Amino acid sequence: MTPSVVTQNDSNKYTATIRVSGYDGDISKKSLHPYIVINSEKHPMEKHPDGNNVFVYDCDVDGIGKVPFYVEVLYEKIGNKNSIKKRMLK
């Protein structure tokens, strides 16, 4: 959902947005915990008020220019609370 080039919003931040989809029905939606990793620093993303498994992160990267990032999503499989999985989105 986040385009390859993002402009600053009115608060001088950049907003990264993802929608978590494409997983099997055996994943607990309540257990989705996405993180954005920017310059090797991991930041939790917040659930968007509109829902639908959309998460956002407002990033203050003033003066940095191009910033590489990727997203990790931690989740639990239904019926196996000891099974925390990591999914990398690039």
N, C-alpha and C. Protein backbone atom coordinates (compact mmCIF):
# COMPACT_ATOMS: atom_id res chain seq x y z
N MET A 1 0.81 -1.18 0.00
CA MET A 1 0.00 0.00 0.00
C MET A 1 0.86 1.26 0.00
N THR A 2 2.03 1.20 0.61
CA THR A 2 2.92 2.35 0.60
C THR A 2 3.61 2.41 -0.75
N PRO A 3 3.51 3.54 -1.46
CA PRO A 3 4.16 3.63 -2.77
C PRO A 3 5.67 3.67 -2.64
N SER A 4 6.37 3.55 -3.76
CA SER A 4 7.83 3.54 -3.72
C SER A 4 8.40 4.90 -3.35
N VAL A 5 7.66 5.98 -3.60
CA VAL A 5 8.08 7.32 -3.18
C VAL A 5 6.96 7.91 -2.36
N VAL A 6 7.30 8.41 -1.17
CA VAL A 6 6.30 8.96 -0.25
C VAL A 6 6.65 10.41 0.04
N THR A 7 5.63 11.27 0.02
CA THR A 7 5.86 12.68 0.36
C THR A 7 5.50 12.92 1.82
N GLN A 8 6.05 13.98 2.37
CA GLN A 8 5.75 14.33 3.76
C GLN A 8 4.29 14.75 3.88
N ASN A 9 3.69 14.42 5.05
CA ASN A 9 2.34 14.89 5.31
C ASN A 9 2.41 16.25 6.01
N ASP A 10 1.27 16.78 6.42
CA ASP A 10 1.21 18.12 7.02
C ASP A 10 2.01 18.24 8.31
N SER A 11 2.24 17.15 8.98
CA SER A 11 3.01 17.19 10.24
C SER A 11 4.49 16.89 10.00
N ASN A 12 4.94 16.99 8.75
CA ASN A 12 6.34 16.76 8.36
C ASN A 12 6.81 15.34 8.66
N LYS A 13 5.91 14.40 8.52
CA LYS A 13 6.25 12.98 8.70
C LYS A 13 5.87 12.23 7.44
N TYR A 14 6.42 11.04 7.32
CA TYR A 14 6.08 10.14 6.23
C TYR A 14 5.27 9.00 6.81
N THR A 15 4.17 8.64 6.16
CA THR A 15 3.32 7.57 6.67
C THR A 15 3.48 6.32 5.83
N ALA A 16 3.89 5.23 6.48
CA ALA A 16 3.97 3.91 5.83
C ALA A 16 2.69 3.16 6.19
N THR A 17 2.07 2.54 5.20
CA THR A 17 0.82 1.82 5.40
C THR A 17 0.92 0.43 4.79
N ILE A 18 0.48 -0.57 5.54
CA ILE A 18 0.44 -1.93 5.00
C ILE A 18 -0.92 -2.56 5.29
N ARG A 19 -1.31 -3.49 4.46
CA ARG A 19 -2.47 -4.33 4.73
C ARG A 19 -1.96 -5.76 4.80
N VAL A 20 -2.22 -6.43 5.90
CA VAL A 20 -1.79 -7.82 6.07
C VAL A 20 -2.88 -8.70 5.48
N SER A 21 -2.52 -9.45 4.44
CA SER A 21 -3.48 -10.34 3.80
C SER A 21 -2.72 -11.52 3.20
N GLY A 22 -3.47 -12.42 2.62
CA GLY A 22 -2.84 -13.54 1.94
C GLY A 22 -2.39 -14.64 2.87
N TYR A 23 -2.97 -14.71 4.06
CA TYR A 23 -2.60 -15.77 4.98
C TYR A 23 -3.76 -16.74 5.11
N ASP A 24 -3.45 -17.94 5.55
CA ASP A 24 -4.47 -18.98 5.70
C ASP A 24 -5.41 -18.66 6.85
N GLY A 25 -6.55 -19.30 6.88
CA GLY A 25 -7.55 -19.09 7.92
C GLY A 25 -7.12 -19.59 9.29
N ASP A 26 -5.94 -20.21 9.37
CA ASP A 26 -5.50 -20.72 10.67
C ASP A 26 -4.63 -19.72 11.42
N ILE A 27 -4.64 -18.46 10.99
CA ILE A 27 -3.90 -17.39 11.66
C ILE A 27 -4.88 -16.56 12.48
N SER A 28 -4.55 -16.31 13.73
CA SER A 28 -5.39 -15.47 14.58
C SER A 28 -5.20 -14.00 14.19
N LYS A 29 -6.27 -13.36 13.69
CA LYS A 29 -6.18 -11.96 13.28
C LYS A 29 -5.80 -11.06 14.46
N LYS A 30 -6.23 -11.44 15.65
CA LYS A 30 -5.92 -10.64 16.84
C LYS A 30 -4.43 -10.69 17.19
N SER A 31 -3.74 -11.67 16.68
CA SER A 31 -2.33 -11.84 17.03
C SER A 31 -1.38 -11.12 16.07
N LEU A 32 -1.90 -10.45 15.04
CA LEU A 32 -1.04 -9.78 14.07
C LEU A 32 -0.31 -8.61 14.72
N HIS A 33 1.01 -8.62 14.64
CA HIS A 33 1.84 -7.54 15.19
C HIS A 33 2.90 -7.15 14.16
N PRO A 34 2.57 -6.19 13.29
CA PRO A 34 3.56 -5.77 12.29
C PRO A 34 4.53 -4.73 12.84
N TYR A 35 5.74 -4.81 12.36
CA TYR A 35 6.80 -3.85 12.71
C TYR A 35 7.43 -3.37 11.42
N ILE A 36 7.78 -2.10 11.39
CA ILE A 36 8.55 -1.57 10.26
C ILE A 36 9.98 -1.42 10.74
N VAL A 37 10.92 -1.86 9.92
CA VAL A 37 12.34 -1.78 10.26
C VAL A 37 12.96 -0.74 9.35
N ILE A 38 13.42 0.36 9.96
CA ILE A 38 14.00 1.48 9.23
C ILE A 38 15.42 1.68 9.74
N ASN A 39 16.38 1.63 8.84
CA ASN A 39 17.79 1.79 9.24
C ASN A 39 18.15 0.87 10.41
N SER A 40 17.72 -0.36 10.35
CA SER A 40 17.98 -1.41 11.35
C SER A 40 17.28 -1.17 12.69
N GLU A 41 16.37 -0.20 12.78
CA GLU A 41 15.60 0.04 14.01
C GLU A 41 14.17 -0.45 13.80
N LYS A 42 13.68 -1.26 14.75
CA LYS A 42 12.37 -1.89 14.65
C LYS A 42 11.33 -1.03 15.39
N HIS A 43 10.23 -0.69 14.68
CA HIS A 43 9.17 0.16 15.24
C HIS A 43 7.82 -0.54 15.08
N PRO A 44 7.02 -0.62 16.15
CA PRO A 44 5.70 -1.24 16.01
C PRO A 44 4.77 -0.35 15.18
N MET A 45 3.98 -0.99 14.33
CA MET A 45 2.99 -0.26 13.54
C MET A 45 1.66 -0.31 14.29
N GLU A 46 0.84 0.72 14.10
CA GLU A 46 -0.45 0.81 14.78
C GLU A 46 -1.58 0.43 13.85
N LYS A 47 -2.61 -0.19 14.43
CA LYS A 47 -3.78 -0.57 13.63
C LYS A 47 -4.49 0.71 13.19
N HIS A 48 -4.82 0.78 11.92
CA HIS A 48 -5.53 1.93 11.37
C HIS A 48 -6.97 1.90 11.89
N PRO A 49 -7.54 3.06 12.21
CA PRO A 49 -8.91 3.09 12.74
C PRO A 49 -9.95 2.44 11.82
N ASP A 50 -9.69 2.42 10.53
CA ASP A 50 -10.65 1.81 9.60
C ASP A 50 -10.61 0.29 9.65
N GLY A 51 -9.62 -0.29 10.30
CA GLY A 51 -9.54 -1.74 10.43
C GLY A 51 -9.10 -2.43 9.16
N ASN A 52 -9.70 -3.59 8.87
CA ASN A 52 -9.39 -4.40 7.69
C ASN A 52 -7.92 -4.80 7.63
N ASN A 53 -7.32 -5.07 8.78
CA ASN A 53 -5.92 -5.50 8.86
C ASN A 53 -4.97 -4.50 8.21
N VAL A 54 -5.30 -3.21 8.33
CA VAL A 54 -4.44 -2.13 7.84
C VAL A 54 -3.68 -1.55 9.03
N PHE A 55 -2.38 -1.36 8.85
CA PHE A 55 -1.52 -0.83 9.91
C PHE A 55 -0.70 0.33 9.35
N VAL A 56 -0.39 1.30 10.23
CA VAL A 56 0.34 2.49 9.79
C VAL A 56 1.48 2.80 10.76
N TYR A 57 2.44 3.54 10.24
CA TYR A 57 3.53 4.07 11.06
C TYR A 57 3.93 5.43 10.49
N ASP A 58 3.89 6.46 11.34
CA ASP A 58 4.35 7.79 10.94
C ASP A 58 5.82 7.91 11.28
N CYS A 59 6.60 8.18 10.26
CA CYS A 59 8.05 8.15 10.37
C CYS A 59 8.63 9.55 10.22
N ASP A 60 9.47 9.95 11.15
CA ASP A 60 10.15 11.24 11.08
C ASP A 60 11.58 10.98 10.61
N VAL A 61 11.82 11.19 9.34
CA VAL A 61 13.15 10.96 8.77
C VAL A 61 13.68 12.25 8.15
N ASP A 62 13.46 13.34 8.85
CA ASP A 62 13.81 14.66 8.35
C ASP A 62 15.28 14.74 7.94
N GLY A 63 15.52 15.15 6.71
CA GLY A 63 16.87 15.37 6.22
C GLY A 63 17.64 14.12 5.83
N ILE A 64 17.03 12.95 5.92
CA ILE A 64 17.74 11.71 5.61
C ILE A 64 17.70 11.40 4.12
N GLY A 65 16.63 11.75 3.45
CA GLY A 65 16.50 11.41 2.03
C GLY A 65 15.92 10.02 1.86
N LYS A 66 16.50 9.22 0.98
CA LYS A 66 16.01 7.86 0.76
C LYS A 66 16.33 6.99 1.96
N VAL A 67 15.32 6.24 2.39
CA VAL A 67 15.48 5.39 3.57
C VAL A 67 15.01 3.98 3.23
N PRO A 68 15.90 3.00 3.31
CA PRO A 68 15.46 1.62 3.07
C PRO A 68 14.66 1.12 4.28
N PHE A 69 13.64 0.31 3.99
CA PHE A 69 12.84 -0.25 5.07
C PHE A 69 12.26 -1.58 4.63
N TYR A 70 11.82 -2.35 5.61
CA TYR A 70 11.04 -3.55 5.34
C TYR A 70 10.10 -3.76 6.51
N VAL A 71 9.17 -4.69 6.36
CA VAL A 71 8.16 -4.94 7.38
C VAL A 71 8.25 -6.38 7.84
N GLU A 72 8.15 -6.59 9.15
CA GLU A 72 8.03 -7.92 9.74
C GLU A 72 6.64 -8.02 10.37
N VAL A 73 6.01 -9.18 10.23
CA VAL A 73 4.72 -9.40 10.86
C VAL A 73 4.83 -10.64 11.73
N LEU A 74 4.59 -10.48 13.02
CA LEU A 74 4.55 -11.61 13.94
C LEU A 74 3.09 -12.02 14.11
N TYR A 75 2.83 -13.32 14.19
CA TYR A 75 1.46 -13.80 14.35
C TYR A 75 1.46 -15.18 15.00
N GLU A 76 0.28 -15.57 15.49
CA GLU A 76 0.10 -16.90 16.09
C GLU A 76 -0.82 -17.73 15.22
N LYS A 77 -0.51 -19.01 15.16
CA LYS A 77 -1.41 -19.95 14.48
C LYS A 77 -2.49 -20.35 15.48
N ILE A 78 -3.72 -20.43 15.02
CA ILE A 78 -4.85 -20.81 15.88
C ILE A 78 -4.61 -22.22 16.41
N GLY A 79 -4.82 -22.38 17.72
CA GLY A 79 -4.66 -23.68 18.36
C GLY A 79 -3.23 -23.98 18.77
N ASN A 80 -2.31 -23.09 18.53
CA ASN A 80 -0.92 -23.32 18.89
C ASN A 80 -0.29 -22.01 19.34
N LYS A 81 -0.60 -21.61 20.58
CA LYS A 81 -0.13 -20.32 21.09
C LYS A 81 1.38 -20.27 21.27
N ASN A 82 2.03 -21.41 21.26
CA ASN A 82 3.49 -21.42 21.39
C ASN A 82 4.19 -21.24 20.05
N SER A 83 3.39 -21.10 18.98
CA SER A 83 3.97 -21.02 17.65
C SER A 83 3.90 -19.58 17.14
N ILE A 84 4.88 -18.78 17.49
CA ILE A 84 4.98 -17.40 16.98
C ILE A 84 5.77 -17.45 15.69
N LYS A 85 5.23 -16.95 14.62
CA LYS A 85 5.87 -16.98 13.32
C LYS A 85 6.24 -15.56 12.91
N LYS A 86 7.23 -15.44 12.08
CA LYS A 86 7.64 -14.15 11.55
C LYS A 86 7.50 -14.19 10.03
N ARG A 87 6.89 -13.17 9.48
CA ARG A 87 6.74 -13.06 8.04
C ARG A 87 7.41 -11.76 7.61
N MET A 88 8.31 -11.84 6.66
CA MET A 88 9.04 -10.66 6.20
C MET A 88 8.42 -10.19 4.90
N LEU A 89 8.09 -8.91 4.82
CA LEU A 89 7.60 -8.30 3.60
C LEU A 89 8.62 -7.28 3.15
N LYS A 90 9.01 -7.33 1.90
CA LYS A 90 10.00 -6.38 1.40
C LYS A 90 9.47 -5.67 0.19
